[in-house]
C-alpha atoms as a PDB file:
ATOM      1  CA  UNK A   1      68.060 -15.019   6.832  1.00  0.00           C
ATOM      2  CA  UNK A   2      64.478 -16.318   5.389  1.00  0.00           C
ATOM      3  CA  UNK A   3      64.954 -18.299   2.514  1.00  0.00           C
ATOM      4  CA  UNK A   4      63.101 -21.084   0.280  1.00  0.00           C
ATOM      5  CA  UNK A   5      65.288 -23.400  -1.426  1.00  0.00           C
ATOM      6  CA  UNK A   6      64.105 -25.390  -4.343  1.00  0.00           C
ATOM      7  CA  UNK A   7      65.067 -28.712  -5.404  1.00  0.00           C
ATOM      8  CA  UNK A   8      66.237 -29.884  -9.028  1.00  0.00           C
ATOM      9  CA  UNK A   9      63.322 -28.469 -11.120  1.00  0.00           C
ATOM     10  CA  UNK A  10      64.537 -29.964 -14.624  1.00  0.00           C
ATOM     11  CA  UNK A  11      62.426 -27.809 -16.776  1.00  0.00           C
ATOM     12  CA  UNK A  12      59.014 -28.435 -14.684  1.00  0.00           C
ATOM     13  CA  UNK A  13      57.855 -25.019 -14.474  1.00  0.00           C
ATOM     14  CA  UNK A  14      54.074 -25.731 -13.781  1.00  0.00           C
ATOM     15  CA  UNK A  15      55.325 -27.692 -10.525  1.00  0.00           C
ATOM     16  CA  UNK A  16      57.442 -24.518  -9.886  1.00  0.00           C
ATOM     17  CA  UNK A  17      54.563 -22.075 -10.222  1.00  0.00           C
ATOM     18  CA  UNK A  18      52.450 -24.665  -8.129  1.00  0.00           C
ATOM     19  CA  UNK A  19      55.111 -24.817  -5.152  1.00  0.00           C
ATOM     20  CA  UNK A  20      55.771 -21.326  -5.166  1.00  0.00           C
ATOM     21  CA  UNK A  21      51.983 -20.387  -4.715  1.00  0.00           C
ATOM     22  CA  UNK A  22      51.629 -22.949  -2.298  1.00  0.00           C
ATOM     23  CA  UNK A  23      54.225 -21.020  -0.214  1.00  0.00           C
ATOM     24  CA  UNK A  24      52.356 -17.689  -0.466  1.00  0.00           C
ATOM     25  CA  UNK A  25      54.497 -16.209  -3.318  1.00  0.00           C
ATOM     26  CA  UNK A  26      52.828 -13.830  -5.822  1.00  0.00           C
ATOM     27  CA  UNK A  27      53.416 -14.048  -9.377  1.00  0.00           C
ATOM     28  CA  UNK A  28      51.631 -10.405 -10.207  1.00  0.00           C
ATOM     29  CA  UNK A  29      55.267  -9.268 -11.378  1.00  0.00           C
ATOM     30  CA  UNK A  30      55.441 -12.357 -13.553  1.00  0.00           C
ATOM     31  CA  UNK A  31      58.018 -13.917 -11.417  1.00  0.00           C
ATOM     32  CA  UNK A  32      57.328 -15.390  -7.757  1.00  0.00           C
ATOM     33  CA  UNK A  33      57.917 -12.867  -4.804  1.00  0.00           C
ATOM     34  CA  UNK A  34      57.196 -12.862  -1.106  1.00  0.00           C
ATOM     35  CA  UNK A  35      57.916  -9.999   1.260  1.00  0.00           C
ATOM     36  CA  UNK A  36      61.048 -10.829   3.404  1.00  0.00           C
ATOM     37  CA  UNK A  37      61.908 -14.266   1.534  1.00  0.00           C
ATOM     38  CA  UNK A  38      64.066 -14.857  -1.159  1.00  0.00           C
ATOM     39  CA  UNK A  39      64.410 -18.164  -3.426  1.00  0.00           C
ATOM     40  CA  UNK A  40      67.293 -20.255  -3.879  1.00  0.00           C
ATOM     41  CA  UNK A  41      68.034 -23.060  -6.660  1.00  0.00           C
ATOM     42  CA  UNK A  42      70.183 -26.179  -5.844  1.00  0.00           C
ATOM     43  CA  UNK A  43      70.861 -26.335  -9.731  1.00  0.00           C
ATOM     44  CA  UNK A  44      69.633 -28.345 -12.609  1.00  0.00           C
ATOM     45  CA  UNK A  45      66.999 -26.085 -13.566  1.00  0.00           C
ATOM     46  CA  UNK A  46      67.008 -27.414 -17.152  1.00  0.00           C
ATOM     47  CA  UNK A  47      66.841 -30.684 -19.238  1.00  0.00           C
ATOM     48  CA  UNK A  48      64.300 -33.400 -19.413  1.00  0.00           C
ATOM     49  CA  UNK A  49      61.325 -31.697 -18.616  1.00  0.00           C
ATOM     50  CA  UNK A  50      59.246 -29.231 -21.046  1.00  0.00           C
ATOM     51  CA  UNK A  51      59.973 -25.794 -20.007  1.00  0.00           C
ATOM     52  CA  UNK A  52      63.888 -25.500 -19.763  1.00  0.00           C
ATOM     53  CA  UNK A  53      63.671 -22.252 -21.191  1.00  0.00           C
ATOM     54  CA  UNK A  54      61.051 -20.691 -19.215  1.00  0.00           C
ATOM     55  CA  UNK A  55      63.028 -21.829 -15.979  1.00  0.00           C
ATOM     56  CA  UNK A  56      66.319 -20.198 -17.384  1.00  0.00           C
ATOM     57  CA  UNK A  57      64.342 -16.693 -18.070  1.00  0.00           C
ATOM     58  CA  UNK A  58      62.670 -17.143 -14.692  1.00  0.00           C
ATOM     59  CA  UNK A  59      65.554 -18.032 -12.457  1.00  0.00           C
ATOM     60  CA  UNK A  60      67.807 -15.437 -14.387  1.00  0.00           C
ATOM     61  CA  UNK A  61      65.605 -12.829 -13.494  1.00  0.00           C
ATOM     62  CA  UNK A  62      65.041 -13.771  -9.851  1.00  0.00           C
ATOM     63  CA  UNK A  63      68.853 -13.785  -9.559  1.00  0.00           C
ATOM     64  CA  UNK A  64      69.477 -10.575 -11.487  1.00  0.00           C
ATOM     65  CA  UNK A  65      66.823  -8.573 -10.063  1.00  0.00           C
ATOM     66  CA  UNK A  66      65.536  -9.946  -6.823  1.00  0.00           C
ATOM     67  CA  UNK A  67      68.657 -11.322  -5.211  1.00  0.00           C
ATOM     68  CA  UNK A  68      67.893 -14.865  -5.666  1.00  0.00           C
ATOM     69  CA  UNK A  69      70.733 -17.584  -5.050  1.00  0.00           C
ATOM     70  CA  UNK A  70      71.501 -20.210  -7.806  1.00  0.00           C
ATOM     71  CA  UNK A  71      74.342 -22.808  -7.898  1.00  0.00           C
ATOM     72  CA  UNK A  72      74.903 -24.832 -10.789  1.00  0.00           C
ATOM     73  CA  UNK A  73      74.436 -28.511 -11.165  1.00  0.00           C
ATOM     74  CA  UNK A  74      75.584 -31.130 -13.519  1.00  0.00           C
ATOM     75  CA  UNK A  75      73.137 -30.375 -15.979  1.00  0.00           C
ATOM     76  CA  UNK A  76      73.831 -26.785 -15.865  1.00  0.00           C
ATOM     77  CA  UNK A  77      77.585 -27.159 -16.588  1.00  0.00           C
ATOM     78  CA  UNK A  78      76.657 -29.564 -19.464  1.00  0.00           C
ATOM     79  CA  UNK A  79      74.531 -26.913 -20.956  1.00  0.00           C
ATOM     80  CA  UNK A  80      77.148 -24.252 -20.312  1.00  0.00           C
ATOM     81  CA  UNK A  81      79.597 -26.309 -22.309  1.00  0.00           C
ATOM     82  CA  UNK A  82      77.141 -26.607 -25.114  1.00  0.00           C
ATOM     83  CA  UNK A  83      76.820 -22.768 -25.432  1.00  0.00           C
ATOM     84  CA  UNK A  84      80.571 -22.511 -25.310  1.00  0.00           C
ATOM     85  CA  UNK A  85      80.406 -24.950 -28.525  1.00  0.00           C
ATOM     86  CA  UNK A  86      82.206 -27.670 -26.961  1.00  0.00           C
ATOM     87  CA  UNK A  87      81.783 -31.344 -28.166  1.00  0.00           C
ATOM     88  CA  UNK A  88      78.864 -32.523 -25.442  1.00  0.00           C
ATOM     89  CA  UNK A  89      76.756 -35.304 -26.083  1.00  0.00           C
ATOM     90  CA  UNK A  90      73.130 -34.148 -26.820  1.00  0.00           C
ATOM     91  CA  UNK A  91      71.616 -36.677 -24.485  1.00  0.00           C
ATOM     92  CA  UNK A  92      70.665 -37.352 -20.850  1.00  0.00           C
ATOM     93  CA  UNK A  93      68.288 -34.706 -20.854  1.00  0.00           C
ATOM     94  CA  UNK A  94      70.081 -32.085 -22.685  1.00  0.00           C
ATOM     95  CA  UNK A  95      68.339 -32.847 -25.899  1.00  0.00           C
ATOM     96  CA  UNK A  96      65.024 -31.507 -24.556  1.00  0.00           C
ATOM     97  CA  UNK A  97      66.497 -28.102 -24.037  1.00  0.00           C
ATOM     98  CA  UNK A  98      68.285 -28.108 -27.325  1.00  0.00           C
ATOM     99  CA  UNK A  99      65.077 -28.984 -29.108  1.00  0.00           C
ATOM    100  CA  UNK A 100      63.571 -26.087 -27.582  1.00  0.00           C
ATOM    101  CA  UNK A 101      66.157 -23.678 -28.505  1.00  0.00           C
ATOM    102  CA  UNK A 102      66.284 -24.967 -32.118  1.00  0.00           C
ATOM    103  CA  UNK A 103      62.469 -24.165 -32.458  1.00  0.00           C
ATOM    104  CA  UNK A 104      63.212 -20.426 -31.828  1.00  0.00           C
ATOM    105  CA  UNK A 105      64.905 -17.703 -33.735  1.00  0.00           C
ATOM    106  CA  UNK A 106      68.527 -17.254 -34.122  1.00  0.00           C
ATOM    107  CA  UNK A 107      67.934 -14.218 -32.089  1.00  0.00           C
ATOM    108  CA  UNK A 108      65.848 -15.537 -29.320  1.00  0.00           C
ATOM    109  CA  UNK A 109      68.500 -18.409 -29.029  1.00  0.00           C
ATOM    110  CA  UNK A 110      71.167 -15.944 -28.446  1.00  0.00           C
ATOM    111  CA  UNK A 111      68.781 -14.425 -25.673  1.00  0.00           C
ATOM    112  CA  UNK A 112      68.653 -17.541 -23.649  1.00  0.00           C
ATOM    113  CA  UNK A 113      72.365 -18.338 -24.235  1.00  0.00           C
ATOM    114  CA  UNK A 114      73.398 -14.854 -23.195  1.00  0.00           C
ATOM    115  CA  UNK A 115      70.997 -14.926 -19.635  1.00  0.00           C
ATOM    116  CA  UNK A 116      72.269 -18.701 -18.859  1.00  0.00           C
ATOM    117  CA  UNK A 117      75.869 -17.973 -19.529  1.00  0.00           C
ATOM    118  CA  UNK A 118      75.796 -14.957 -17.395  1.00  0.00           C
ATOM    119  CA  UNK A 119      73.880 -16.649 -14.321  1.00  0.00           C
ATOM    120  CA  UNK A 120      76.262 -19.603 -14.968  1.00  0.00           C
ATOM    121  CA  UNK A 121      79.541 -17.548 -14.804  1.00  0.00           C
ATOM    122  CA  UNK A 122      78.705 -15.375 -12.098  1.00  0.00           C
ATOM    123  CA  UNK A 123      77.320 -17.856  -9.503  1.00  0.00           C
ATOM    124  CA  UNK A 124      79.480 -19.704  -6.959  1.00  0.00           C
ATOM    125  CA  UNK A 125      79.962 -23.342  -7.097  1.00  0.00           C
ATOM    126  CA  UNK A 126      78.073 -23.119  -3.784  1.00  0.00           C
ATOM    127  CA  UNK A 127      76.829 -20.673  -1.451  1.00  0.00           C
ATOM    128  CA  UNK A 128      77.939 -20.228   2.379  1.00  0.00           C
ATOM    129  CA  UNK A 129      75.244 -18.548   4.006  1.00  0.00           C
ATOM    130  CA  UNK A 130      73.966 -17.246   7.320  1.00  0.00           C
ATOM    131  CA  UNK A 131      77.165 -16.676   9.259  1.00  0.00           C
ATOM    132  CA  UNK A 132      78.443 -20.166   8.056  1.00  0.00           C
ATOM    133  CA  UNK A 133      75.304 -22.008   9.172  1.00  0.00           C
ATOM    134  CA  UNK A 134      73.860 -22.864   5.988  1.00  0.00           C
ATOM    135  CA  UNK A 135      75.448 -24.348   2.753  1.00  0.00           C
ATOM    136  CA  UNK A 136      73.643 -24.861  -0.654  1.00  0.00           C
ATOM    137  CA  UNK A 137      75.285 -27.146  -3.098  1.00  0.00           C
ATOM    138  CA  UNK A 138      74.068 -29.055  -5.975  1.00  0.00           C
ATOM    139  CA  UNK A 139      75.466 -32.814  -5.050  1.00  0.00           C
ATOM    140  CA  UNK A 140      76.424 -31.967  -1.578  1.00  0.00           C
ATOM    141  CA  UNK A 141      79.879 -31.191  -0.194  1.00  0.00           C
ATOM    142  CA  UNK A 142      82.488 -32.331   1.997  1.00  0.00           C
ATOM    143  CA  UNK A 143      83.005 -30.650   5.310  1.00  0.00           C
ATOM    144  CA  UNK A 144      86.650 -29.803   4.449  1.00  0.00           C
ATOM    145  CA  UNK A 145      85.617 -28.334   0.754  1.00  0.00           C
ATOM    146  CA  UNK A 146      83.278 -25.735   2.295  1.00  0.00           C
ATOM    147  CA  UNK A 147      84.265 -22.163   1.263  1.00  0.00           C
ATOM    148  CA  UNK A 148      86.734 -23.463  -1.315  1.00  0.00           C
ATOM    149  CA  UNK A 149      86.477 -23.551  -5.316  1.00  0.00           C
ATOM    150  CA  UNK A 150      89.056 -25.767  -6.418  1.00  0.00           C
ATOM    151  CA  UNK A 151      88.699 -28.354  -9.177  1.00  0.00           C
ATOM    152  CA  UNK A 152      87.967 -31.135  -6.625  1.00  0.00           C
ATOM    153  CA  UNK A 153      85.282 -29.008  -4.888  1.00  0.00           C
ATOM    154  CA  UNK A 154      83.553 -28.550  -8.590  1.00  0.00           C
ATOM    155  CA  UNK A 155      83.680 -32.110  -9.378  1.00  0.00           C
ATOM    156  CA  UNK A 156      82.012 -32.935  -5.870  1.00  0.00           C
ATOM    157  CA  UNK A 157      79.344 -30.393  -5.736  1.00  0.00           C
ATOM    158  CA  UNK A 158      78.563 -31.038  -9.687  1.00  0.00           C
ATOM    159  CA  UNK A 159      78.371 -34.845  -9.399  1.00  0.00           C
ATOM    160  CA  UNK A 160      78.624 -35.790  -5.809  1.00  0.00           C
ATOM    161  CA  UNK A 161      81.076 -38.751  -4.358  1.00  0.00           C
ATOM    162  CA  UNK A 162      81.306 -40.775  -7.364  1.00  0.00           C
ATOM    163  CA  UNK A 163      83.467 -43.804  -7.321  1.00  0.00           C
ATOM    164  CA  UNK A 164      84.236 -43.989 -11.105  1.00  0.00           C
ATOM    165  CA  UNK A 165      81.963 -47.132 -11.526  1.00  0.00           C
ATOM    166  CA  UNK A 166      78.528 -47.244 -13.055  1.00  0.00           C
ATOM    167  CA  UNK A 167      75.400 -49.212 -12.182  1.00  0.00           C
ATOM    168  CA  UNK A 168      73.623 -51.586 -14.675  1.00  0.00           C
ATOM    169  CA  UNK A 169      71.177 -48.805 -15.704  1.00  0.00           C
ATOM    170  CA  UNK A 170      74.277 -46.566 -16.550  1.00  0.00           C
ATOM    171  CA  UNK A 171      73.812 -44.358 -13.193  1.00  0.00           C
ATOM    172  CA  UNK A 172      77.182 -43.498 -11.658  1.00  0.00           C
ATOM    173  CA  UNK A 173      78.097 -45.192  -8.380  1.00  0.00           C
ATOM    174  CA  UNK A 174      77.913 -42.535  -5.673  1.00  0.00           C
ATOM    175  CA  UNK A 175      78.993 -43.196  -1.833  1.00  0.00           C
ATOM    176  CA  UNK A 176      76.455 -41.882   0.498  1.00  0.00           C
ATOM    177  CA  UNK A 177      78.625 -38.925   1.707  1.00  0.00           C
ATOM    178  CA  UNK A 178      76.037 -37.380   3.937  1.00  0.00           C
ATOM    179  CA  UNK A 179      76.111 -40.282   6.590  1.00  0.00           C
ATOM    180  CA  UNK A 180      79.840 -39.414   6.965  1.00  0.00           C
ATOM    181  CA  UNK A 181      79.545 -35.709   7.180  1.00  0.00           C
ATOM    182  CA  UNK A 182      80.342 -34.289  10.354  1.00  0.00           C
ATOM    183  CA  UNK A 183      80.776 -30.444   9.615  1.00  0.00           C
ATOM    184  CA  UNK A 184      78.566 -27.595  11.381  1.00  0.00           C
ATOM    185  CA  UNK A 185      76.718 -25.927   8.484  1.00  0.00           C
ATOM    186  CA  UNK A 186      73.539 -27.417   7.442  1.00  0.00           C
ATOM    187  CA  UNK A 187      73.741 -28.750   3.765  1.00  0.00           C
ATOM    188  CA  UNK A 188      71.015 -28.377   1.464  1.00  0.00           C
ATOM    189  CA  UNK A 189      71.428 -30.150  -1.620  1.00  0.00           C
ATOM    190  CA  UNK A 190      69.867 -32.304  -4.506  1.00  0.00           C
ATOM    191  CA  UNK A 191      71.182 -34.314  -7.620  1.00  0.00           C
ATOM    192  CA  UNK A 192      70.052 -37.689  -6.165  1.00  0.00           C
ATOM    193  CA  UNK A 193      66.511 -38.097  -6.619  1.00  0.00           C
ATOM    194  CA  UNK A 194      64.630 -39.703  -3.486  1.00  0.00           C
ATOM    195  CA  UNK A 195      61.271 -40.451  -2.760  1.00  0.00           C
ATOM    196  CA  UNK A 196      60.767 -38.216   0.254  1.00  0.00           C
ATOM    197  CA  UNK A 197      63.437 -35.327   1.277  1.00  0.00           C
ATOM    198  CA  UNK A 198      66.014 -37.191   2.848  1.00  0.00           C
ATOM    199  CA  UNK A 199      67.548 -35.505   6.399  1.00  0.00           C
ATOM    200  CA  UNK A 200      70.584 -37.224   7.366  1.00  0.00           C
ATOM    201  CA  UNK A 201      72.646 -35.614  10.333  1.00  0.00           C
ATOM    202  CA  UNK A 202      73.221 -32.145   9.338  1.00  0.00           C
ATOM    203  CA  UNK A 203      72.001 -32.577   5.620  1.00  0.00           C
ATOM    204  CA  UNK A 204      68.967 -32.809   3.444  1.00  0.00           C
ATOM    205  CA  UNK A 205      68.561 -33.824   0.030  1.00  0.00           C
ATOM    206  CA  UNK A 206      65.422 -32.240  -1.498  1.00  0.00           C
ATOM    207  CA  UNK A 207      65.656 -33.638  -4.802  1.00  0.00           C
ATOM    208  CA  UNK A 208      62.265 -35.497  -4.935  1.00  0.00           C
ATOM    209  CA  UNK A 209      62.023 -36.515  -8.529  1.00  0.00           C
ATOM    210  CA  UNK A 210      59.935 -33.949 -10.177  1.00  0.00           C
ATOM    211  CA  UNK A 211      60.856 -34.813 -13.641  1.00  0.00           C
ATOM    212  CA  UNK A 212      60.591 -38.527 -12.928  1.00  0.00           C
ATOM    213  CA  UNK A 213      56.948 -38.275 -11.667  1.00  0.00           C
ATOM    214  CA  UNK A 214      57.836 -37.647  -8.023  1.00  0.00           C
ATOM    215  CA  UNK A 215      57.397 -34.277  -6.241  1.00  0.00           C
ATOM    216  CA  UNK A 216      59.054 -30.796  -6.512  1.00  0.00           C
ATOM    217  CA  UNK A 217      60.209 -30.054  -2.922  1.00  0.00           C
ATOM    218  CA  UNK A 218      61.450 -26.678  -1.117  1.00  0.00           C
ATOM    219  CA  UNK A 219      63.332 -26.397   2.116  1.00  0.00           C
ATOM    220  CA  UNK A 220      62.105 -23.366   4.080  1.00  0.00           C
ATOM    221  CA  UNK A 221      64.888 -21.626   6.129  1.00  0.00           C
ATOM    222  CA  UNK A 222      65.216 -20.959   8.960  1.00  0.00           C
ATOM    223  CA  UNK A 223      62.124 -22.980   9.902  1.00  0.00           C
ATOM    224  CA  UNK A 224      63.451 -26.099   8.403  1.00  0.00           C
ATOM    225  CA  UNK A 225      60.039 -26.944   7.164  1.00  0.00           C
ATOM    226  CA  UNK A 226      59.768 -28.905   3.611  1.00  0.00           C
ATOM    227  CA  UNK A 227      56.906 -28.083   1.243  1.00  0.00           C
ATOM    228  CA  UNK A 228      56.471 -30.429  -1.894  1.00  0.00           C
ATOM    229  CA  UNK A 229      53.881 -30.518  -4.511  1.00  0.00           C
ATOM    230  CA  UNK A 230      53.180 -33.614  -6.896  1.00  0.00           C
ATOM    231  CA  UNK A 231      54.600 -34.022 -10.377  1.00  0.00           C
ATOM    232  CA  UNK A 232      52.506 -33.829 -13.652  1.00  0.00           C
ATOM    233  CA  UNK A 233      55.099 -36.083 -15.276  1.00  0.00           C
ATOM    234  CA  UNK A 234      55.043 -39.846 -15.669  1.00  0.00           C
ATOM    235  CA  UNK A 235      56.454 -41.936 -12.868  1.00  0.00           C
ATOM    236  CA  UNK A 236      59.882 -43.300 -13.585  1.00  0.00           C
ATOM    237  CA  UNK A 237      60.307 -45.331 -10.635  1.00  0.00           C
ATOM    238  CA  UNK A 238      63.838 -46.806 -11.350  1.00  0.00           C
ATOM    239  CA  UNK A 239      65.246 -43.233 -11.420  1.00  0.00           C
ATOM    240  CA  UNK A 240      64.851 -42.927  -7.349  1.00  0.00           C
ATOM    241  CA  UNK A 241      67.494 -44.318  -5.238  1.00  0.00           C
ATOM    242  CA  UNK A 242      66.878 -45.954  -1.914  1.00  0.00           C
ATOM    243  CA  UNK A 243      69.674 -45.779   0.544  1.00  0.00           C
ATOM    244  CA  UNK A 244      70.282 -48.411   2.736  1.00  0.00           C
ATOM    245  CA  UNK A 245      69.712 -47.204   6.701  1.00  0.00           C
END
């Protein structure tokens, strides 16, 4: 299979257009298309950036009509719970998506709600593709969780291997699960912003912090080539994780 997997977009529509054009995708149909290739998304398509609703529309259209792959991230899960009417905090990025929604008519709000809820509800927690050689999961996945869908899997793929502790900046403490991953499938994930695509063993983190002024990155599979474009957003250096080697 020929697939281009896009890291965390977070409403950075301009960067998404630039990245897909760099990879020779055409936008003549209003969405990116390239013969014999499909797009995939590691989740967190909304929040923090300026064009979350545009990304909902684009990803839903690609998923619904062009066979694109999408897995939910933690921000996707929170937006879904917001649409369900749950008591979620309108913070940590969700406030930007909610502000976009509230600027619309009630009918338009419901259109985006319908699209996103369908996308979320009908997508798996993670994909196992290409005869179990490739896995796409938002925050990564343990080898023994691959192919499973239970509660612990959901927590891991949405939030990573969290300890329950928090750092001084409020970010959760996460174990570096990729260093200990010994599974056969190659795992493509995001969630934890890094300055450059992070290849560790049989895993790669392609969240290069587009919404924090870094880059938007894609992994081209099966070529195992990364493509990146610079962000137009202000740099927020403290949001990037630096792992000890």
